[in-house]
Protein backbone atom coordinates (compact mmCIF):
# COMPACT_ATOMS: atom_id res chain seq x y z
CA MET A 1 71.13 103.29 119.67
CA SER A 2 74.21 105.52 119.49
CA ARG A 3 77.18 104.25 117.51
CA GLY A 4 79.50 106.01 119.93
CA ARG A 5 80.69 109.51 120.73
CA VAL A 6 82.43 111.88 118.32
CA LEU A 7 84.19 115.09 119.32
CA VAL A 8 84.25 117.79 116.62
CA THR A 9 86.27 120.91 117.37
CA GLY A 10 84.99 124.06 115.72
CA GLY A 11 81.76 122.26 114.94
CA ALA A 12 79.34 125.17 115.35
CA SER A 13 79.53 126.53 111.82
CA GLY A 14 80.85 125.98 108.30
CA ILE A 15 82.64 122.73 107.55
CA GLY A 16 82.61 121.73 111.21
CA LEU A 17 78.83 122.04 111.41
CA ALA A 18 78.43 119.92 108.28
CA ILE A 19 80.68 117.25 109.83
CA ALA A 20 78.74 117.32 113.09
CA ASP A 21 75.41 117.07 111.26
CA ARG A 22 76.64 114.16 109.14
CA CYS A 23 77.84 112.35 112.25
CA ARG A 24 74.42 112.79 113.86
CA THR A 25 72.80 111.41 110.71
CA GLU A 26 75.15 108.42 110.96
CA GLY A 27 73.87 107.74 114.48
CA PHE A 28 76.76 109.11 116.54
CA ASP A 29 76.49 111.09 119.74
CA VAL A 30 78.21 114.33 118.72
CA VAL A 31 80.04 116.66 121.08
CA VAL A 32 81.13 120.06 119.76
CA ILE A 33 83.69 122.41 121.29
CA ASP A 34 83.61 125.90 119.79
CA ARG A 35 83.78 129.51 120.90
CA GLU A 36 80.42 130.02 119.14
CA PRO A 37 77.07 128.72 120.46
CA GLY A 38 76.19 125.17 119.51
CA GLY A 39 78.14 123.06 121.96
CA ILE A 40 80.63 123.42 124.79
CA ARG A 41 81.87 127.00 124.69
CA ALA A 42 85.64 127.44 124.82
CA ASP A 43 88.39 129.48 123.22
CA LEU A 44 90.53 126.70 121.79
CA THR A 45 93.49 129.04 121.33
CA ASP A 46 93.78 128.91 125.13
CA PRO A 47 95.29 125.64 126.46
CA ALA A 48 93.62 126.05 129.85
CA GLU A 49 90.15 126.61 128.36
CA THR A 50 90.77 123.67 126.03
CA ALA A 51 91.66 121.45 128.99
CA ASP A 52 88.56 122.50 130.92
CA ALA A 53 86.33 121.79 127.91
CA LEU A 54 87.91 118.37 127.38
CA ASN A 55 87.46 117.49 131.05
CA HIS A 56 83.81 118.45 130.72
CA VAL A 57 83.43 116.20 127.67
CA LEU A 58 85.08 113.23 129.36
CA CYS A 59 82.98 113.54 132.50
CA SER A 60 80.25 111.82 130.48
CA GLY A 61 82.50 108.96 129.39
CA PRO A 62 85.18 108.20 126.81
CA VAL A 63 85.18 109.47 123.24
CA THR A 64 86.64 107.14 120.62
CA ARG A 65 86.27 109.35 117.54
CA LEU A 66 87.92 112.76 117.13
CA VAL A 67 87.67 115.32 114.35
CA ASN A 68 90.23 118.10 114.75
CA ASN A 69 88.50 120.65 112.56
CA VAL A 70 89.09 124.01 114.23
CA GLY A 71 91.74 126.19 112.61
CA ALA A 72 93.14 129.68 112.12
CA VAL A 73 94.09 131.14 108.73
CA CYS A 74 95.94 134.44 109.52
CA PRO A 75 96.38 135.45 105.84
CA GLY A 76 98.95 137.95 104.59
CA PRO A 77 102.19 138.36 102.64
CA VAL A 78 105.24 136.85 104.25
CA GLU A 79 106.72 140.22 105.27
CA ASP A 80 103.54 140.98 107.20
CA GLN A 81 103.16 137.63 108.98
CA SER A 82 103.74 138.43 112.62
CA LEU A 83 105.03 136.18 115.36
CA ALA A 84 101.61 136.57 116.97
CA ASP A 85 100.05 135.16 113.77
CA LEU A 86 102.43 132.21 113.96
CA ASP A 87 101.64 131.61 117.62
CA THR A 88 97.90 131.67 116.93
CA ALA A 89 98.17 129.29 113.99
CA VAL A 90 100.41 126.86 115.87
CA SER A 91 98.16 126.95 118.92
CA LEU A 92 94.91 126.32 117.07
CA ASN A 93 96.05 124.15 114.16
CA LEU A 94 98.63 122.01 115.97
CA ARG A 95 98.64 122.35 119.76
CA CYS A 96 94.87 122.01 120.04
CA SER A 97 94.86 118.87 117.89
CA LEU A 98 97.58 117.27 120.00
CA GLN A 99 95.90 118.29 123.25
CA CYS A 100 92.55 116.86 122.17
CA LEU A 101 94.10 113.56 121.13
CA GLN A 102 96.08 113.23 124.36
CA ALA A 103 92.90 113.74 126.39
CA LEU A 104 90.89 111.16 124.43
CA LEU A 105 93.66 108.62 123.93
CA PRO A 106 93.27 106.68 127.21
CA GLY A 107 89.64 105.94 126.34
CA MET A 108 90.56 104.88 122.83
CA LYS A 109 93.28 102.55 124.08
CA ALA A 110 90.95 101.06 126.68
CA ALA A 111 88.40 100.37 123.92
CA ALA A 112 91.10 99.06 121.57
CA PHE A 113 89.47 101.31 118.98
CA GLY A 114 89.80 104.87 117.78
CA ARG A 115 89.28 107.07 114.76
CA ILE A 116 91.12 110.37 114.35
CA VAL A 117 90.45 112.70 111.43
CA ASN A 118 92.47 115.90 111.12
CA ILE A 119 91.27 118.66 108.80
CA SER A 120 94.22 120.12 106.91
CA SER A 121 94.03 122.11 103.66
CA ARG A 122 95.15 122.13 100.05
CA ALA A 123 97.23 125.10 101.19
CA ALA A 124 99.58 122.62 102.85
CA LEU A 125 101.04 122.15 99.35
CA GLY A 126 101.74 125.89 99.15
CA LYS A 127 99.52 128.91 98.62
CA GLU A 128 100.28 132.61 98.37
CA LEU A 129 99.52 134.73 101.45
CA ARG A 130 99.38 131.66 103.70
CA SER A 131 102.85 131.27 105.26
CA VAL A 132 101.79 130.38 108.80
CA TYR A 133 98.58 128.62 107.73
CA ALA A 134 100.30 126.43 105.14
CA ALA A 135 103.13 125.60 107.55
CA THR A 136 100.82 124.49 110.33
CA LYS A 137 98.45 122.59 108.06
CA ALA A 138 101.43 120.76 106.55
CA GLY A 139 102.62 120.10 110.10
CA LEU A 140 99.26 118.56 110.90
CA ILE A 141 99.72 116.10 108.04
CA GLY A 142 103.14 115.15 109.40
CA MET A 143 101.81 114.73 112.92
CA THR A 144 98.99 112.53 111.64
CA LYS A 145 101.48 110.18 109.98
CA VAL A 146 103.33 109.79 113.28
CA TRP A 147 100.09 109.06 115.12
CA SER A 148 99.19 106.40 112.58
CA LEU A 149 102.52 104.67 113.15
CA GLU A 150 102.35 104.85 116.94
CA LEU A 151 98.67 104.04 117.46
CA GLY A 152 97.80 101.45 114.81
CA ARG A 153 98.67 98.58 117.17
CA PHE A 154 95.90 99.78 119.50
CA GLY A 155 93.19 99.68 116.83
CA ILE A 156 93.39 103.45 116.35
CA THR A 157 93.62 105.05 112.90
CA ALA A 158 94.62 108.61 112.05
CA ASN A 159 93.91 110.23 108.69
CA VAL A 160 93.69 113.66 107.10
CA VAL A 161 91.03 115.34 104.97
CA ALA A 162 92.47 118.34 103.12
CA PRO A 163 89.80 120.57 101.56
CA GLY A 164 90.24 122.69 98.48
CA PRO A 165 87.98 125.74 97.92
CA ILE A 166 84.77 125.16 99.89
CA ARG A 167 81.71 127.39 99.68
CA THR A 168 81.20 128.54 103.25
CA GLU A 169 79.83 131.87 104.46
CA LEU A 170 83.41 133.13 104.73
CA PHE A 171 84.26 131.97 101.19
CA ASP A 172 81.21 133.70 99.71
CA ARG A 173 82.01 136.90 101.58
CA VAL A 174 85.59 137.00 100.30
CA ASN A 175 84.76 135.63 96.83
CA PRO A 176 81.58 137.21 95.39
CA ALA A 177 79.88 135.06 92.77
CA ASP A 178 80.29 137.70 90.03
CA SER A 179 83.96 138.39 90.76
CA PRO A 180 86.57 137.55 88.06
CA ARG A 181 88.73 136.13 90.86
CA THR A 182 85.97 133.71 91.83
CA LYS A 183 85.55 132.69 88.19
CA ALA A 184 89.28 132.06 87.95
CA ILE A 185 89.14 129.82 91.02
CA ILE A 186 86.30 127.76 89.54
CA ASP A 187 87.98 127.54 86.12
CA ALA A 188 91.08 126.06 87.77
CA ILE A 189 89.07 123.20 89.30
CA PRO A 190 88.61 120.20 86.97
CA VAL A 191 85.03 119.55 88.12
CA ARG A 192 84.27 123.27 87.50
CA ARG A 193 82.72 124.07 90.83
CA VAL A 194 83.82 124.87 94.35
CA GLY A 195 83.08 122.34 97.03
CA VAL A 196 80.41 122.49 99.68
CA PRO A 197 80.78 121.55 103.36
CA ASP A 198 78.91 118.28 102.79
CA ASP A 199 81.70 117.18 100.43
CA ILE A 200 84.11 117.33 103.35
CA ALA A 201 81.66 115.75 105.78
CA HIS A 202 81.24 112.77 103.45
CA ALA A 203 84.99 112.16 103.35
CA VAL A 204 85.26 112.48 107.12
CA ALA A 205 82.41 110.00 107.60
CA TYR A 206 84.38 107.39 105.66
CA PHE A 207 87.44 107.71 107.88
CA LEU A 208 85.32 107.64 111.05
CA ASP A 209 83.59 104.41 110.08
CA SER A 210 84.49 101.27 112.01
CA ARG A 211 84.95 99.51 108.66
CA SER A 212 87.84 101.82 107.69
CA GLY A 213 90.34 100.18 110.01
CA PHE A 214 92.82 99.24 107.27
CA VAL A 215 93.29 102.85 106.17
CA THR A 216 95.60 105.01 108.28
CA GLY A 217 98.20 107.72 107.81
CA GLN A 218 96.54 108.91 104.59
CA THR A 219 95.73 112.38 103.28
CA LEU A 220 92.63 112.74 101.12
CA PHE A 221 92.47 115.99 99.16
CA VAL A 222 88.81 116.86 98.63
CA CYS A 223 89.42 119.54 96.04
CA GLY A 224 87.60 118.71 92.81
CA GLY A 225 90.88 117.63 91.26
CA LEU A 226 92.64 120.95 91.93
CA THR A 227 95.72 119.28 93.40
CA ILE A 228 96.31 116.92 90.47
CA GLY A 229 99.79 117.66 89.23
CA CYS A 230 100.14 120.36 91.89
CA THR A 231 103.72 121.04 92.94
CA GLY A 232 102.95 123.72 95.46
CA THR A 233 101.51 126.46 93.28
């Protein structure tokens, strides 16, 4: 028997796929929205496509668990960060998260139960070449805190998982195993390894659990200890 429905945005690959797979293992009925194959196809940078996809999801009934995983990085030095980069990051990292919650919220309130997990990043504390990404991921943490304050009375929790370096296909492509830069990244992590997508999925599973109802408004950095003592560097 299904434990309920979970919506995972950007759940067709990488961290999102690991989250979706973990949710299936936990007995949830998982719905994925992504521009890649593996669920409902939609460009989540487009509000209209996002709305159509959400309507399609809700045609089959309410969804009481939401993982806002999809995101845009748009890396580059501050002088090269364009307004188009900012618009893309805001649309995917913030607007999409808000739009998804607003669509699912009536069902959560009717059930007097909801679990929201937003995927931020260690970069929210500050990271070179990440002006628009860091700003929007930090904004997502702030928005989550507001949701926790507003929605707790309805049995709805909102929390953040903020990954550090995670070994995805993109990470391996940008950071070859034999590169000195990759070695420097690993040496800076107290547990002396980069994370894997399952590390993030495990943290998300905790926040999604019905037994986690006394935890809300929190940010969990899943980073191997990289953020300990971090002041934004």
